[in-house]
Every structure is written in C-alpha cells, then in structure tokens.
N, C-alpha and C. Protein backbone atom coordinates (compact mmCIF):
# COMPACT_ATOMS: atom_id res chain seq x y z
N MET A 1 -2.23 -2.91 7.15
CA MET A 1 -2.52 -4.34 6.74
C MET A 1 -2.10 -4.64 5.29
N GLY A 2 -1.40 -5.97 5.53
CA GLY A 2 -1.29 -6.26 4.20
C GLY A 2 -0.91 -7.64 4.17
N GLY A 3 -0.83 -8.32 3.07
CA GLY A 3 -0.91 -9.92 2.93
C GLY A 3 0.18 -10.42 1.96
N TYR A 4 0.58 -11.53 2.24
CA TYR A 4 1.71 -12.10 1.00
C TYR A 4 1.26 -13.50 0.79
N ASP A 5 1.15 -13.95 -0.36
CA ASP A 5 0.85 -15.35 -0.65
C ASP A 5 1.84 -16.25 -1.08
N GLY A 6 3.03 -15.75 -0.92
CA GLY A 6 4.39 -16.39 -1.44
C GLY A 6 4.67 -16.02 -2.66
N ARG A 7 3.99 -14.98 -3.28
CA ARG A 7 4.37 -14.71 -4.58
C ARG A 7 4.39 -13.22 -4.59
N ARG A 8 3.25 -12.81 -4.30
CA ARG A 8 3.02 -11.37 -4.52
C ARG A 8 2.51 -11.05 -3.26
N ALA A 9 2.77 -9.67 -2.82
CA ALA A 9 1.87 -8.94 -1.64
C ALA A 9 0.71 -8.09 -2.26
N LEU A 10 0.02 -7.86 -1.14
CA LEU A 10 -0.99 -6.74 -1.32
C LEU A 10 -1.24 -5.95 -0.15
N VAL A 11 -1.36 -4.47 -0.28
CA VAL A 11 -1.37 -3.72 0.70
C VAL A 11 -2.74 -3.45 0.95
N TYR A 12 -3.71 -4.10 1.90
CA TYR A 12 -5.05 -3.77 1.81
C TYR A 12 -5.19 -2.59 2.52
N HIS A 13 -4.38 -1.98 3.46
CA HIS A 13 -5.13 -0.61 4.37
C HIS A 13 -3.98 -0.12 4.97
N LEU A 14 -3.90 1.32 4.92
CA LEU A 14 -2.79 1.83 5.71
C LEU A 14 -3.52 3.45 6.20
N ALA A 15 -3.52 3.37 7.50
CA ALA A 15 -4.19 4.52 8.03
C ALA A 15 -3.58 5.29 8.98
N VAL A 16 -3.45 6.65 9.26
CA VAL A 16 -3.02 7.24 10.51
C VAL A 16 -4.12 8.21 10.90
N CYS A 17 -4.51 8.33 12.02
CA CYS A 17 -5.19 9.09 12.62
C CYS A 17 -5.03 10.70 12.34
N GLU A 18 -5.95 11.42 11.67
CA GLU A 18 -5.70 12.60 11.12
C GLU A 18 -4.93 13.60 11.82
N LYS A 19 -4.97 13.61 13.26
CA LYS A 19 -4.33 14.43 14.09
C LYS A 19 -2.81 14.23 14.22
N PHE A 20 -2.26 13.08 13.50
CA PHE A 20 -1.03 12.59 13.81
C PHE A 20 -0.18 12.65 12.48
N ARG A 21 -0.99 13.09 11.07
CA ARG A 21 -0.53 13.13 9.75
C ARG A 21 0.59 13.84 9.85
N GLN A 22 1.23 13.89 8.68
CA GLN A 22 2.58 14.58 8.33
C GLN A 22 3.52 14.72 9.31
N GLN A 23 3.73 13.60 10.29
CA GLN A 23 4.62 13.49 10.94
C GLN A 23 5.75 12.23 10.54
N GLY A 24 5.48 11.57 9.41
CA GLY A 24 6.12 10.67 9.00
C GLY A 24 5.89 9.24 9.41
N ILE A 25 4.69 9.22 10.25
CA ILE A 25 3.91 7.99 10.46
C ILE A 25 3.72 6.80 9.50
N GLY A 26 2.99 7.50 8.57
CA GLY A 26 2.56 6.51 7.27
C GLY A 26 3.52 6.05 6.76
N LYS A 27 4.80 6.95 6.44
CA LYS A 27 6.11 6.44 5.67
C LYS A 27 6.75 5.34 6.53
N ALA A 28 6.86 5.48 7.89
CA ALA A 28 7.48 4.56 8.55
C ALA A 28 6.97 3.22 8.52
N LEU A 29 5.19 3.20 8.55
CA LEU A 29 4.61 2.05 8.47
C LEU A 29 4.90 1.21 7.14
N MET A 30 4.81 2.05 6.02
CA MET A 30 4.93 1.47 4.62
C MET A 30 6.36 0.77 4.74
N GLU A 31 7.35 1.64 5.04
CA GLU A 31 8.67 1.11 4.92
C GLU A 31 8.80 -0.06 5.62
N THR A 32 8.23 -0.12 7.07
CA THR A 32 8.58 -1.19 7.61
C THR A 32 7.83 -2.52 7.09
N LEU A 33 6.50 -2.30 6.53
CA LEU A 33 5.74 -3.40 5.72
C LEU A 33 6.59 -3.96 4.55
N GLU A 34 7.43 -2.95 3.96
CA GLU A 34 8.07 -3.32 2.75
C GLU A 34 9.20 -4.06 2.98
N GLU A 35 9.92 -3.75 4.18
CA GLU A 35 11.04 -4.40 4.66
C GLU A 35 10.74 -5.73 4.87
N LEU A 36 9.73 -5.71 5.80
CA LEU A 36 8.92 -7.29 6.07
C LEU A 36 8.84 -8.43 4.83
N LEU A 37 8.17 -7.49 3.95
CA LEU A 37 7.80 -8.24 2.75
C LEU A 37 9.12 -8.84 1.94
N ARG A 38 10.11 -8.02 1.84
CA ARG A 38 11.43 -8.06 1.21
C ARG A 38 12.15 -9.28 1.99
N GLU A 39 12.18 -9.32 3.41
CA GLU A 39 12.93 -10.21 4.11
C GLU A 39 12.07 -11.51 3.88
N MET A 40 10.72 -11.63 3.56
CA MET A 40 9.97 -12.80 3.38
C MET A 40 10.47 -13.40 1.62
N GLY A 41 10.99 -12.68 0.78
CA GLY A 41 11.36 -12.93 -0.54
C GLY A 41 10.12 -12.37 -1.41
N CYS A 42 9.63 -11.55 -1.12
CA CYS A 42 8.61 -10.69 -1.86
C CYS A 42 9.31 -9.70 -3.15
N LEU A 43 8.79 -9.77 -4.28
CA LEU A 43 9.48 -9.03 -4.94
C LEU A 43 8.45 -8.12 -5.57
N ARG A 44 7.26 -8.34 -5.54
CA ARG A 44 6.14 -6.89 -6.00
C ARG A 44 4.98 -7.19 -5.03
N SER A 45 4.73 -6.04 -4.77
CA SER A 45 3.34 -5.91 -3.84
C SER A 45 2.58 -4.71 -4.67
N TYR A 46 1.31 -4.96 -4.53
CA TYR A 46 0.35 -4.25 -5.02
C TYR A 46 -0.59 -3.31 -4.01
N LEU A 47 -1.07 -2.46 -4.40
CA LEU A 47 -1.84 -1.47 -3.64
C LEU A 47 -3.25 -1.02 -4.06
N LEU A 48 -4.29 -1.39 -3.69
CA LEU A 48 -5.56 -0.95 -4.02
C LEU A 48 -5.89 0.37 -3.23
N ILE A 49 -6.46 1.29 -4.41
CA ILE A 49 -6.81 2.52 -3.67
C ILE A 49 -7.73 2.92 -4.86
N THR A 50 -8.90 3.98 -4.44
CA THR A 50 -9.91 4.16 -5.31
C THR A 50 -9.15 5.65 -5.85
N LYS A 51 -9.82 6.05 -7.09
CA LYS A 51 -9.17 7.12 -7.88
C LYS A 51 -9.54 8.27 -7.16
N ASP A 52 -10.26 8.63 -6.53
CA ASP A 52 -10.81 9.61 -5.75
C ASP A 52 -10.24 10.07 -4.36
N ASN A 53 -9.04 9.01 -3.73
CA ASN A 53 -8.57 9.03 -2.48
C ASN A 53 -7.23 9.82 -2.52
N PRO A 54 -7.40 11.06 -1.71
CA PRO A 54 -6.48 12.07 -1.80
C PRO A 54 -4.77 11.46 -1.31
N ALA A 55 -5.00 10.36 -0.71
CA ALA A 55 -3.67 9.55 -0.37
C ALA A 55 -2.76 8.91 -1.49
N ILE A 56 -3.31 9.08 -2.88
CA ILE A 56 -2.67 8.61 -4.02
C ILE A 56 -1.41 9.33 -4.14
N GLU A 57 -1.43 10.68 -3.88
CA GLU A 57 -0.23 11.56 -3.71
C GLU A 57 0.86 11.05 -2.77
N PHE A 58 0.55 10.62 -1.63
CA PHE A 58 1.44 9.85 -0.51
C PHE A 58 1.75 8.67 -1.14
N TYR A 59 1.29 8.22 -1.86
CA TYR A 59 1.83 6.67 -2.37
C TYR A 59 2.73 7.08 -3.58
N GLN A 60 2.33 7.66 -4.59
CA GLN A 60 3.35 7.99 -5.61
C GLN A 60 4.67 8.65 -5.02
N LYS A 61 4.40 9.42 -4.21
CA LYS A 61 5.63 10.28 -3.33
C LYS A 61 6.71 9.33 -2.75
N HIS A 62 6.06 8.08 -2.60
CA HIS A 62 6.89 7.16 -2.00
C HIS A 62 7.18 5.75 -2.88
N GLY A 63 7.30 6.21 -4.26
CA GLY A 63 7.70 5.13 -5.09
C GLY A 63 6.43 4.27 -5.70
N TRP A 64 5.22 4.46 -5.47
CA TRP A 64 4.06 3.52 -6.01
C TRP A 64 3.86 4.03 -7.32
N GLN A 65 3.45 3.29 -8.20
CA GLN A 65 3.23 3.59 -9.58
C GLN A 65 1.79 3.17 -9.88
N VAL A 66 1.16 3.74 -10.73
CA VAL A 66 -0.20 3.61 -11.10
C VAL A 66 0.01 2.47 -12.13
N LEU A 67 -0.46 1.51 -12.30
CA LEU A 67 -0.71 0.56 -13.09
C LEU A 67 -1.85 0.26 -13.87
N ASP A 68 -1.57 -0.32 -15.39
CA ASP A 68 -2.68 -0.32 -16.32
C ASP A 68 -3.37 -1.60 -15.98
N LEU A 69 -3.97 -1.62 -14.83
CA LEU A 69 -4.79 -2.93 -14.60
C LEU A 69 -6.30 -2.63 -14.29
N PHE A 70 -7.21 -3.82 -14.34
CA PHE A 70 -8.41 -3.81 -14.16
C PHE A 70 -8.83 -4.40 -12.84
N ALA A 71 -9.39 -3.84 -11.89
CA ALA A 71 -9.74 -4.47 -10.54
C ALA A 71 -11.05 -4.89 -11.01
N LEU A 72 -11.56 -5.90 -10.25
CA LEU A 72 -12.84 -6.52 -10.46
C LEU A 72 -13.43 -6.71 -9.02
N GLY A 73 -14.65 -6.57 -8.93
CA GLY A 73 -15.26 -6.82 -7.58
C GLY A 73 -16.47 -7.17 -7.58
N LYS A 74 -17.14 -7.71 -6.50
CA LYS A 74 -18.45 -8.31 -6.70
C LYS A 74 -19.19 -8.22 -5.26
N ASP A 75 -20.12 -7.42 -5.14
CA ASP A 75 -20.87 -7.50 -3.71
C ASP A 75 -21.39 -9.05 -3.57
N LEU A 76 -21.24 -9.51 -2.22
CA LEU A 76 -21.96 -10.93 -2.08
C LEU A 76 -22.92 -10.54 -0.98
C-alpha cells in the first residue's frame, strides 16, 4: 500500500505471505509501485519501518536509504 499527495509518496505497507517469500514477489510489487509513482510525476518516496524489522535488509538491497529524520506519532 502506498499513497501519493502530488508531491511525495509514502509506502505504508508491503507484505508477502511467508511461504511465498524469496521468490521475487516483494521486489516485483515494489518495482510496480515505484513505476506507477514515477508515471504520476513522483520524484521522492518515503518508507516507514521500525528499527527492529528484519525487512530493512530487503529495502536497502533494493536501493532504499536510511534517512536522518525523526518520525513522530501520537496514540489517539
């Protein structure tokens, strides 16, 4: 799942059922999302992930970089 506000995109969630991982499905989903965003004129996308999520290696392998940003949240 991702969103685009006309300026920047945010990837909210990417998931592949565990029994289907390591088959290129996640890569294909992300490449498709990135291509659709480029077609809409998006130049930058952000991805939120917790520090302890093992998927961080997947994202870094596919060109995502850790940024020096603060994420703020609030329980409602």
